[in-house]
Amino acid sequence: MKIDGTYAFKAPQDKVWEIFNTVEYLQEALPGCEKLEEVEPGKYDVYLKIGISAVKGKYKGKFEIADPRPPNSYKLIGEGKGLPGFVKGEALIELSTEGEGTLLAYHGDMQVGGLLAGIGQRMIGGISKMMLEQFFKSIEKIVNQKGNIGG
């Protein structure tokens, strides 16, 4: 299943890049994140508890930030599983300056299995978009609170 979108941040690109590469901020922003730890540079273990009915459950996963090109782009590769099933995917994350802010664009592909596969692509796509929007809004809040990051 393809997943694509954009989000505009009202902050400079270097600040947004820094937030997206700081474990504490990612843990704070990820919906349902109970724990996020860097197990080696660029590789993370994540524990999520998701309360949305169709995908409700606890998930354990891992993701990797590959091919980083600060402060412009990286590839995100991840997988997770829980009682409701599994999710695997990868996405290209691109940041670009837009006026005084930053435009984030993501282009990815994800696969689901187990009970999650029975929910249907339209619903999974909608839930994914909703969770991404929540994540980006949390990142925006962190950017606004931590305006002096990196300088």
N, C-alpha and C. Protein backbone atom coordinates (compact mmCIF):
# COMPACT_ATOMS: atom_id res chain seq x y z
N MET A 1 0.84 -1.17 0.00
CA MET A 1 0.00 0.00 0.00
C MET A 1 0.89 1.24 0.00
N LYS A 2 0.61 2.14 -0.91
CA LYS A 2 1.38 3.40 -1.00
C LYS A 2 0.85 4.39 0.04
N ILE A 3 1.78 5.16 0.57
CA ILE A 3 1.41 6.23 1.49
C ILE A 3 2.28 7.43 1.18
N ASP A 4 1.64 8.54 0.88
CA ASP A 4 2.34 9.76 0.49
C ASP A 4 1.66 10.96 1.13
N GLY A 5 2.43 12.00 1.36
CA GLY A 5 1.84 13.21 1.89
C GLY A 5 2.89 14.27 2.17
N THR A 6 2.41 15.40 2.67
CA THR A 6 3.29 16.50 3.03
C THR A 6 2.80 17.12 4.33
N TYR A 7 3.70 17.83 4.98
CA TYR A 7 3.34 18.60 6.17
C TYR A 7 4.25 19.83 6.20
N ALA A 8 3.66 20.99 6.46
CA ALA A 8 4.43 22.24 6.51
C ALA A 8 4.69 22.63 7.96
N PHE A 9 5.96 22.82 8.30
CA PHE A 9 6.37 23.26 9.63
C PHE A 9 6.74 24.73 9.56
N LYS A 10 6.41 25.46 10.61
CA LYS A 10 6.75 26.89 10.68
C LYS A 10 8.07 27.05 11.42
N ALA A 11 9.09 26.39 10.92
CA ALA A 11 10.42 26.43 11.54
C ALA A 11 11.46 26.17 10.46
N PRO A 12 12.69 26.65 10.68
CA PRO A 12 13.75 26.42 9.70
C PRO A 12 14.07 24.93 9.54
N GLN A 13 14.53 24.58 8.37
CA GLN A 13 14.81 23.19 8.03
C GLN A 13 15.80 22.53 8.99
N ASP A 14 16.85 23.23 9.41
CA ASP A 14 17.84 22.61 10.31
C ASP A 14 17.22 22.26 11.66
N LYS A 15 16.28 23.06 12.14
CA LYS A 15 15.61 22.78 13.42
C LYS A 15 14.72 21.55 13.29
N VAL A 16 13.97 21.48 12.19
CA VAL A 16 13.08 20.34 11.96
C VAL A 16 13.92 19.07 11.83
N TRP A 17 15.01 19.14 11.09
CA TRP A 17 15.90 17.98 10.94
C TRP A 17 16.38 17.51 12.31
N GLU A 18 16.81 18.44 13.14
CA GLU A 18 17.33 18.08 14.46
C GLU A 18 16.28 17.38 15.31
N ILE A 19 15.05 17.89 15.29
CA ILE A 19 13.97 17.26 16.06
C ILE A 19 13.74 15.83 15.56
N PHE A 20 13.73 15.65 14.24
CA PHE A 20 13.48 14.33 13.67
C PHE A 20 14.64 13.37 13.90
N ASN A 21 15.74 13.85 14.43
CA ASN A 21 16.89 13.00 14.69
C ASN A 21 17.27 12.99 16.16
N THR A 22 16.33 13.31 17.04
CA THR A 22 16.56 13.30 18.48
C THR A 22 15.58 12.33 19.12
N VAL A 23 16.11 11.26 19.72
CA VAL A 23 15.30 10.17 20.26
C VAL A 23 14.22 10.68 21.22
N GLU A 24 14.59 11.56 22.14
CA GLU A 24 13.64 12.04 23.14
C GLU A 24 12.43 12.72 22.49
N TYR A 25 12.67 13.49 21.45
CA TYR A 25 11.58 14.19 20.79
C TYR A 25 10.72 13.23 19.98
N LEU A 26 11.34 12.26 19.33
CA LEU A 26 10.57 11.27 18.59
C LEU A 26 9.69 10.46 19.52
N GLN A 27 10.24 10.06 20.67
CA GLN A 27 9.45 9.30 21.64
C GLN A 27 8.26 10.11 22.12
N GLU A 28 8.48 11.38 22.37
CA GLU A 28 7.41 12.27 22.83
C GLU A 28 6.33 12.43 21.76
N ALA A 29 6.72 12.45 20.50
CA ALA A 29 5.78 12.75 19.42
C ALA A 29 5.06 11.53 18.85
N LEU A 30 5.67 10.35 18.91
CA LEU A 30 5.06 9.16 18.31
C LEU A 30 3.79 8.77 19.07
N PRO A 31 2.66 8.67 18.39
CA PRO A 31 1.42 8.29 19.06
C PRO A 31 1.53 6.92 19.72
N GLY A 32 1.23 6.85 21.00
CA GLY A 32 1.23 5.59 21.73
C GLY A 32 2.60 5.05 22.08
N CYS A 33 3.65 5.84 21.89
CA CYS A 33 5.00 5.35 22.16
C CYS A 33 5.24 5.21 23.66
N GLU A 34 5.52 3.99 24.09
CA GLU A 34 5.86 3.74 25.48
C GLU A 34 7.36 3.78 25.70
N LYS A 35 8.12 3.40 24.66
CA LYS A 35 9.57 3.38 24.78
C LYS A 35 10.19 3.41 23.39
N LEU A 36 11.23 4.21 23.27
CA LEU A 36 12.01 4.28 22.03
C LEU A 36 13.46 4.34 22.44
N GLU A 37 14.24 3.39 21.94
CA GLU A 37 15.66 3.40 22.29
C GLU A 37 16.52 3.14 21.07
N GLU A 38 17.62 3.88 21.03
CA GLU A 38 18.59 3.69 19.96
C GLU A 38 19.48 2.52 20.36
N VAL A 39 19.47 1.45 19.57
CA VAL A 39 20.25 0.25 19.88
C VAL A 39 21.63 0.30 19.25
N GLU A 40 21.76 1.05 18.19
CA GLU A 40 23.05 1.39 17.58
C GLU A 40 22.78 2.60 16.70
N PRO A 41 23.82 3.31 16.28
CA PRO A 41 23.58 4.54 15.53
C PRO A 41 22.62 4.34 14.35
N GLY A 42 21.52 5.10 14.38
CA GLY A 42 20.54 5.04 13.30
C GLY A 42 19.55 3.89 13.36
N LYS A 43 19.65 3.03 14.40
CA LYS A 43 18.75 1.87 14.52
C LYS A 43 18.06 1.93 15.88
N TYR A 44 16.74 1.71 15.87
CA TYR A 44 15.93 1.92 17.06
C TYR A 44 14.98 0.75 17.31
N ASP A 45 14.70 0.50 18.59
CA ASP A 45 13.62 -0.38 19.01
C ASP A 45 12.51 0.51 19.53
N VAL A 46 11.28 0.14 19.21
CA VAL A 46 10.14 0.96 19.63
C VAL A 46 9.04 0.06 20.19
N TYR A 47 8.38 0.55 21.22
CA TYR A 47 7.26 -0.15 21.86
C TYR A 47 6.07 0.81 21.86
N LEU A 48 4.99 0.38 21.20
CA LEU A 48 3.81 1.23 21.06
C LEU A 48 2.59 0.57 21.67
N LYS A 49 1.70 1.39 22.20
CA LYS A 49 0.38 0.93 22.64
C LYS A 49 -0.62 1.81 21.91
N ILE A 50 -1.32 1.20 20.96
CA ILE A 50 -2.25 1.95 20.12
C ILE A 50 -3.67 1.67 20.56
N GLY A 51 -4.44 2.73 20.75
CA GLY A 51 -5.80 2.59 21.26
C GLY A 51 -6.89 2.76 20.23
N ILE A 52 -6.55 2.82 18.96
CA ILE A 52 -7.55 2.98 17.90
C ILE A 52 -8.17 1.61 17.64
N SER A 53 -9.49 1.53 17.72
CA SER A 53 -10.20 0.25 17.75
C SER A 53 -9.73 -0.79 16.73
N ALA A 54 -9.64 -0.44 15.47
CA ALA A 54 -9.31 -1.42 14.44
C ALA A 54 -7.88 -1.95 14.55
N VAL A 55 -6.98 -1.19 15.15
CA VAL A 55 -5.58 -1.61 15.25
C VAL A 55 -5.12 -1.64 16.71
N LYS A 56 -6.08 -1.67 17.62
CA LYS A 56 -5.79 -1.61 19.05
C LYS A 56 -4.86 -2.74 19.47
N GLY A 57 -3.87 -2.38 20.28
CA GLY A 57 -2.97 -3.39 20.81
C GLY A 57 -1.60 -2.84 21.09
N LYS A 58 -0.74 -3.74 21.58
CA LYS A 58 0.65 -3.39 21.84
C LYS A 58 1.49 -3.92 20.68
N TYR A 59 2.44 -3.11 20.29
CA TYR A 59 3.31 -3.47 19.18
C TYR A 59 4.77 -3.29 19.59
N LYS A 60 5.59 -4.19 19.11
CA LYS A 60 7.03 -4.05 19.29
C LYS A 60 7.60 -3.97 17.88
N GLY A 61 8.49 -3.01 17.69
CA GLY A 61 9.04 -2.86 16.36
C GLY A 61 10.45 -2.34 16.36
N LYS A 62 10.95 -2.18 15.18
CA LYS A 62 12.28 -1.59 15.01
C LYS A 62 12.26 -0.78 13.73
N PHE A 63 13.08 0.25 13.71
CA PHE A 63 13.22 1.01 12.49
C PHE A 63 14.64 1.51 12.37
N GLU A 64 14.97 1.86 11.15
CA GLU A 64 16.32 2.30 10.83
C GLU A 64 16.24 3.55 9.97
N ILE A 65 17.13 4.48 10.25
CA ILE A 65 17.29 5.66 9.41
C ILE A 65 18.47 5.36 8.50
N ALA A 66 18.18 5.22 7.21
CA ALA A 66 19.21 4.86 6.23
C ALA A 66 19.46 6.02 5.27
N ASP A 67 20.64 6.06 4.73
CA ASP A 67 21.02 7.04 3.72
C ASP A 67 20.70 8.48 4.13
N PRO A 68 21.12 8.88 5.35
CA PRO A 68 20.82 10.25 5.77
C PRO A 68 21.61 11.27 4.95
N ARG A 69 20.94 12.33 4.56
CA ARG A 69 21.57 13.44 3.84
C ARG A 69 21.15 14.75 4.51
N PRO A 70 21.79 15.02 5.68
CA PRO A 70 21.40 16.18 6.49
C PRO A 70 21.53 17.49 5.70
N PRO A 71 20.65 18.40 5.86
CA PRO A 71 19.35 18.33 6.54
C PRO A 71 18.20 18.10 5.56
N ASN A 72 18.46 17.32 4.50
CA ASN A 72 17.50 17.22 3.40
C ASN A 72 16.64 15.96 3.34
N SER A 73 17.22 14.79 3.62
CA SER A 73 16.43 13.58 3.42
C SER A 73 17.04 12.38 4.14
N TYR A 74 16.22 11.36 4.30
CA TYR A 74 16.67 10.04 4.72
C TYR A 74 15.60 9.02 4.37
N LYS A 75 16.01 7.77 4.39
CA LYS A 75 15.07 6.68 4.17
C LYS A 75 14.76 6.07 5.53
N LEU A 76 13.48 5.83 5.78
CA LEU A 76 13.04 5.22 7.03
C LEU A 76 12.55 3.81 6.69
N ILE A 77 13.16 2.81 7.34
CA ILE A 77 12.81 1.41 7.10
C ILE A 77 12.36 0.83 8.44
N GLY A 78 11.18 0.23 8.48
CA GLY A 78 10.71 -0.26 9.77
C GLY A 78 9.77 -1.44 9.66
N GLU A 79 9.58 -2.06 10.82
CA GLU A 79 8.63 -3.17 10.94
C GLU A 79 8.18 -3.26 12.38
N GLY A 80 6.98 -3.77 12.56
CA GLY A 80 6.46 -3.95 13.90
C GLY A 80 5.42 -5.05 13.90
N LYS A 81 5.26 -5.66 15.07
CA LYS A 81 4.23 -6.69 15.18
C LYS A 81 3.62 -6.68 16.56
N GLY A 82 2.40 -7.17 16.60
CA GLY A 82 1.65 -7.28 17.83
C GLY A 82 0.53 -8.27 17.60
N LEU A 83 -0.34 -8.44 18.59
CA LEU A 83 -1.44 -9.38 18.46
C LEU A 83 -2.30 -9.14 17.22
N PRO A 84 -2.57 -7.86 16.88
CA PRO A 84 -3.42 -7.63 15.70
C PRO A 84 -2.74 -7.94 14.36
N GLY A 85 -1.44 -8.18 14.34
CA GLY A 85 -0.76 -8.46 13.09
C GLY A 85 0.57 -7.75 12.98
N PHE A 86 1.02 -7.58 11.75
CA PHE A 86 2.32 -6.94 11.55
C PHE A 86 2.24 -5.84 10.49
N VAL A 87 3.21 -4.95 10.55
CA VAL A 87 3.36 -3.86 9.59
C VAL A 87 4.83 -3.81 9.20
N LYS A 88 5.09 -3.67 7.91
CA LYS A 88 6.45 -3.48 7.40
C LYS A 88 6.39 -2.37 6.38
N GLY A 89 7.44 -1.59 6.32
CA GLY A 89 7.43 -0.56 5.30
C GLY A 89 8.71 0.24 5.24
N GLU A 90 8.75 1.07 4.23
CA GLU A 90 9.85 2.03 4.12
C GLU A 90 9.32 3.27 3.43
N ALA A 91 9.98 4.38 3.76
CA ALA A 91 9.56 5.66 3.21
C ALA A 91 10.76 6.56 3.01
N LEU A 92 10.67 7.40 2.01
CA LEU A 92 11.66 8.45 1.80
C LEU A 92 11.09 9.71 2.44
N ILE A 93 11.86 10.31 3.34
CA ILE A 93 11.47 11.53 4.03
C ILE A 93 12.34 12.65 3.44
N GLU A 94 11.69 13.69 2.92
CA GLU A 94 12.43 14.80 2.32
C GLU A 94 12.00 16.12 2.96
N LEU A 95 12.98 16.92 3.33
CA LEU A 95 12.74 18.25 3.89
C LEU A 95 13.24 19.29 2.91
N SER A 96 12.47 20.35 2.75
CA SER A 96 12.91 21.46 1.90
C SER A 96 12.43 22.77 2.51
N THR A 97 13.21 23.81 2.28
CA THR A 97 12.84 25.13 2.78
C THR A 97 11.70 25.67 1.94
N GLU A 98 10.69 26.18 2.64
CA GLU A 98 9.55 26.79 1.97
C GLU A 98 9.25 28.10 2.69
N GLY A 99 9.65 29.20 2.08
CA GLY A 99 9.51 30.50 2.75
C GLY A 99 10.38 30.51 4.00
N GLU A 100 9.78 30.83 5.14
CA GLU A 100 10.51 30.82 6.41
C GLU A 100 10.34 29.50 7.14
N GLY A 101 9.64 28.55 6.52
CA GLY A 101 9.38 27.27 7.16
C GLY A 101 10.00 26.12 6.40
N THR A 102 9.50 24.92 6.71
CA THR A 102 10.02 23.69 6.13
C THR A 102 8.87 22.83 5.65
N LEU A 103 8.99 22.31 4.45
CA LEU A 103 8.02 21.37 3.93
C LEU A 103 8.60 19.96 4.04
N LEU A 104 7.87 19.08 4.71
CA LEU A 104 8.26 17.67 4.78
C LEU A 104 7.38 16.91 3.80
N ALA A 105 8.01 16.10 2.96
CA ALA A 105 7.28 15.24 2.04
C ALA A 105 7.69 13.80 2.32
N TYR A 106 6.71 12.89 2.33
CA TYR A 106 7.03 11.48 2.53
C TYR A 106 6.38 10.66 1.43
N HIS A 107 7.11 9.64 0.99
CA HIS A 107 6.66 8.75 -0.07
C HIS A 107 7.05 7.35 0.37
N GLY A 108 6.07 6.50 0.61
CA GLY A 108 6.41 5.19 1.13
C GLY A 108 5.51 4.09 0.66
N ASP A 109 5.86 2.92 1.11
CA ASP A 109 5.13 1.71 0.80
C ASP A 109 5.06 0.89 2.07
N MET A 110 3.89 0.36 2.41
CA MET A 110 3.80 -0.47 3.60
C MET A 110 2.95 -1.70 3.32
N GLN A 111 3.29 -2.75 4.05
CA GLN A 111 2.55 -4.00 3.96
C GLN A 111 2.02 -4.33 5.35
N VAL A 112 0.83 -4.90 5.41
CA VAL A 112 0.26 -5.34 6.68
C VAL A 112 -0.13 -6.80 6.54
N GLY A 113 -0.14 -7.51 7.67
CA GLY A 113 -0.52 -8.91 7.67
C GLY A 113 -1.25 -9.27 8.94
N GLY A 114 -1.71 -10.50 9.02
CA GLY A 114 -2.46 -10.93 10.18
C GLY A 114 -3.85 -10.32 10.17
N LEU A 115 -4.40 -10.08 11.35
CA LEU A 115 -5.73 -9.49 11.45
C LEU A 115 -5.79 -8.11 10.81
N LEU A 116 -4.68 -7.40 10.83
CA LEU A 116 -4.64 -6.06 10.22
C LEU A 116 -4.97 -6.11 8.73
N ALA A 117 -4.55 -7.18 8.06
CA ALA A 117 -4.80 -7.30 6.62
C ALA A 117 -6.30 -7.40 6.33
N GLY A 118 -7.06 -7.95 7.28
CA GLY A 118 -8.50 -8.10 7.09
C GLY A 118 -9.27 -6.81 7.24
N ILE A 119 -8.65 -5.78 7.75
CA ILE A 119 -9.32 -4.50 7.97
C ILE A 119 -9.57 -3.77 6.65
N GLY A 120 -8.68 -3.96 5.71
CA GLY A 120 -8.83 -3.31 4.41
C GLY A 120 -7.90 -2.13 4.26
N GLN A 121 -7.43 -1.95 3.03
CA GLN A 121 -6.46 -0.89 2.73
C GLN A 121 -7.01 0.50 3.00
N ARG A 122 -8.27 0.73 2.68
CA ARG A 122 -8.83 2.07 2.86
C ARG A 122 -8.81 2.46 4.34
N MET A 123 -9.21 1.53 5.22
CA MET A 123 -9.23 1.85 6.65
C MET A 123 -7.80 1.97 7.19
N ILE A 124 -6.91 1.06 6.81
CA ILE A 124 -5.52 1.14 7.26
C ILE A 124 -4.89 2.44 6.77
N GLY A 125 -5.15 2.80 5.53
CA GLY A 125 -4.64 4.06 4.99
C GLY A 125 -5.14 5.26 5.77
N GLY A 126 -6.42 5.25 6.12
CA GLY A 126 -7.01 6.34 6.91
C GLY A 126 -6.42 6.44 8.30
N ILE A 127 -6.23 5.28 8.93
CA ILE A 127 -5.64 5.25 10.28
C ILE A 127 -4.20 5.73 10.21
N SER A 128 -3.46 5.29 9.20
CA SER A 128 -2.06 5.72 9.03
C SER A 128 -1.97 7.22 8.87
N LYS A 129 -2.82 7.79 8.02
CA LYS A 129 -2.82 9.24 7.80
C LYS A 129 -3.14 9.98 9.10
N MET A 130 -4.12 9.46 9.85
CA MET A 130 -4.51 10.09 11.11
C MET A 130 -3.35 10.07 12.11
N MET A 131 -2.67 8.93 12.21
CA MET A 131 -1.55 8.82 13.14
C MET A 131 -0.38 9.70 12.70
N LEU A 132 -0.13 9.77 11.41
CA LEU A 132 0.94 10.65 10.91
C LEU A 132 0.62 12.11 11.19
N GLU A 133 -0.62 12.51 10.99
CA GLU A 133 -1.03 13.89 11.27
C GLU A 133 -0.83 14.21 12.75
N GLN A 134 -1.21 13.26 13.61
CA GLN A 134 -1.01 13.44 15.06
C GLN A 134 0.48 13.56 15.38
N PHE A 135 1.30 12.72 14.76
CA PHE A 135 2.75 12.76 14.96
C PHE A 135 3.32 14.10 14.52
N PHE A 136 2.95 14.55 13.32
CA PHE A 136 3.48 15.82 12.81
C PHE A 136 3.03 17.00 13.66
N LYS A 137 1.80 16.98 14.14
CA LYS A 137 1.33 18.06 15.02
C LYS A 137 2.12 18.07 16.33
N SER A 138 2.45 16.89 16.84
CA SER A 138 3.27 16.80 18.06
C SER A 138 4.68 17.33 17.79
N ILE A 139 5.23 17.00 16.63
CA ILE A 139 6.55 17.52 16.26
C ILE A 139 6.49 19.04 16.15
N GLU A 140 5.43 19.57 15.55
CA GLU A 140 5.26 21.03 15.42
C GLU A 140 5.23 21.68 16.80
N LYS A 141 4.54 21.06 17.73
CA LYS A 141 4.47 21.58 19.10
C LYS A 141 5.86 21.59 19.74
N ILE A 142 6.61 20.51 19.55
CA ILE A 142 7.97 20.43 20.09
C ILE A 142 8.85 21.51 19.46
N VAL A 143 8.75 21.67 18.15
CA VAL A 143 9.52 22.70 17.45
C VAL A 143 9.22 24.07 18.05
N ASN A 144 7.94 24.35 18.30
CA ASN A 144 7.55 25.65 18.86
C ASN A 144 8.06 25.83 20.29
N GLN A 145 8.03 24.75 21.09
CA GLN A 145 8.49 24.82 22.48
C GLN A 145 10.01 24.92 22.57
N LYS A 146 10.70 24.29 21.65
CA LYS A 146 12.16 24.20 21.70
C LYS A 146 12.78 25.07 20.62
N GLY A 147 12.26 26.24 20.44
CA GLY A 147 12.69 27.12 19.36
C GLY A 147 14.17 27.39 19.29
N ASN A 148 14.88 27.20 20.39
CA ASN A 148 16.31 27.52 20.39
C ASN A 148 17.19 26.30 20.17
N ILE A 149 16.62 25.19 19.73
CA ILE A 149 17.41 23.99 19.47
C ILE A 149 18.49 24.30 18.44
N GLY A 150 19.67 23.83 18.70
CA GLY A 150 20.77 23.97 17.75
C GLY A 150 21.31 25.39 17.64
N GLY A 151 20.91 26.28 18.50
CA GLY A 151 21.47 27.60 18.34
C GLY A 151 20.79 28.51 19.27
